């Protein structure tokens, strides 16, 4: 099952909890950090700019998905509310 494409409310508890712990893969985190540094230094090529935009989009989508999973897990009583 691809948990990234399923509606949050339809996921079984174990898959929902996996999403609650979602993190960008290490190689993408490293690449994103490197591109952000180049961006701060104004040394991005056009291709690097496109790649940075894509990675930022992926990161943002992942964070939204994780937030939705956390909300659902709290509603199901699987985890305590974050304070």
Protein backbone atom coordinates (compact mmCIF):
# COMPACT_ATOMS: atom_id res chain seq x y z
CA UNK A 1 0.00 0.00 0.00
CA UNK A 2 1.34 3.42 -0.92
CA UNK A 3 0.44 5.40 2.19
CA UNK A 4 1.33 8.68 0.52
CA UNK A 5 -1.59 8.49 -1.91
CA UNK A 6 -4.31 7.16 0.38
CA UNK A 7 -6.81 9.41 2.17
CA UNK A 8 -5.60 9.87 5.74
CA UNK A 9 -8.91 8.78 7.22
CA UNK A 10 -8.78 5.44 5.37
CA UNK A 11 -5.33 4.40 6.62
CA UNK A 12 -4.99 1.62 9.18
CA UNK A 13 -3.47 2.70 12.49
CA UNK A 14 0.02 1.34 11.78
CA UNK A 15 0.26 3.18 8.45
CA UNK A 16 -1.12 6.34 10.02
CA UNK A 17 1.58 6.22 12.69
CA UNK A 18 4.22 5.76 9.96
CA UNK A 19 3.07 9.03 8.43
CA UNK A 20 3.24 10.73 11.82
CA UNK A 21 6.97 10.01 11.76
CA UNK A 22 7.46 11.01 8.13
CA UNK A 23 10.81 12.56 7.25
CA UNK A 24 12.40 13.54 3.99
CA UNK A 25 15.01 10.96 2.96
CA UNK A 26 18.56 11.82 4.07
CA UNK A 27 19.88 12.31 0.52
CA UNK A 28 17.08 14.78 -0.24
CA UNK A 29 17.67 16.62 3.04
CA UNK A 30 21.33 17.00 2.15
CA UNK A 31 20.57 18.14 -1.37
CA UNK A 32 17.98 20.63 -0.10
CA UNK A 33 20.44 22.04 2.44
CA UNK A 34 23.12 22.42 -0.23
CA UNK A 35 20.73 24.14 -2.63
CA UNK A 36 19.47 26.48 0.09
CA UNK A 37 23.04 27.44 0.90
CA UNK A 38 23.72 28.16 -2.77
CA UNK A 39 20.52 30.18 -2.90
CA UNK A 40 21.66 32.30 0.05
CA UNK A 41 24.95 32.89 -1.76
CA UNK A 42 23.11 33.74 -5.02
CA UNK A 43 25.00 31.02 -6.90
CA UNK A 44 22.12 28.85 -8.11
CA UNK A 45 22.02 27.88 -11.75
CA UNK A 46 18.62 27.81 -13.48
CA UNK A 47 18.61 24.00 -13.21
CA UNK A 48 19.46 24.22 -9.50
CA UNK A 49 16.62 26.72 -9.01
CA UNK A 50 14.17 24.26 -10.57
CA UNK A 51 15.49 21.44 -8.39
CA UNK A 52 15.24 23.62 -5.27
CA UNK A 53 11.65 24.53 -6.12
CA UNK A 54 10.81 20.85 -6.61
CA UNK A 55 12.40 19.80 -3.32
CA UNK A 56 10.67 22.63 -1.43
CA UNK A 57 7.36 21.50 -2.92
CA UNK A 58 8.03 17.91 -1.88
CA UNK A 59 8.99 19.06 1.60
CA UNK A 60 5.86 21.20 1.95
CA UNK A 61 3.57 18.41 0.76
CA UNK A 62 5.21 16.04 3.22
CA UNK A 63 4.71 18.44 6.11
CA UNK A 64 1.02 18.89 5.25
CA UNK A 65 0.58 15.13 5.03
CA UNK A 66 2.36 14.64 8.35
CA UNK A 67 0.19 17.30 10.03
CA UNK A 68 -2.97 15.64 8.72
CA UNK A 69 -1.73 12.27 10.00
CA UNK A 70 -0.97 13.72 13.43
CA UNK A 71 -4.44 15.23 13.63
CA UNK A 72 -6.07 11.93 12.68
CA UNK A 73 -3.90 9.97 15.12
CA UNK A 74 -4.93 12.28 17.96
CA UNK A 75 -8.60 11.93 16.99
CA UNK A 76 -8.25 8.14 17.04
CA UNK A 77 -6.55 8.26 20.43
CA UNK A 78 -3.33 6.74 19.05
CA UNK A 79 -1.16 9.59 20.31
CA UNK A 80 -1.55 12.40 22.81
CA UNK A 81 -2.19 15.90 21.50
CA UNK A 82 0.96 17.91 20.92
CA UNK A 83 1.32 20.83 23.27
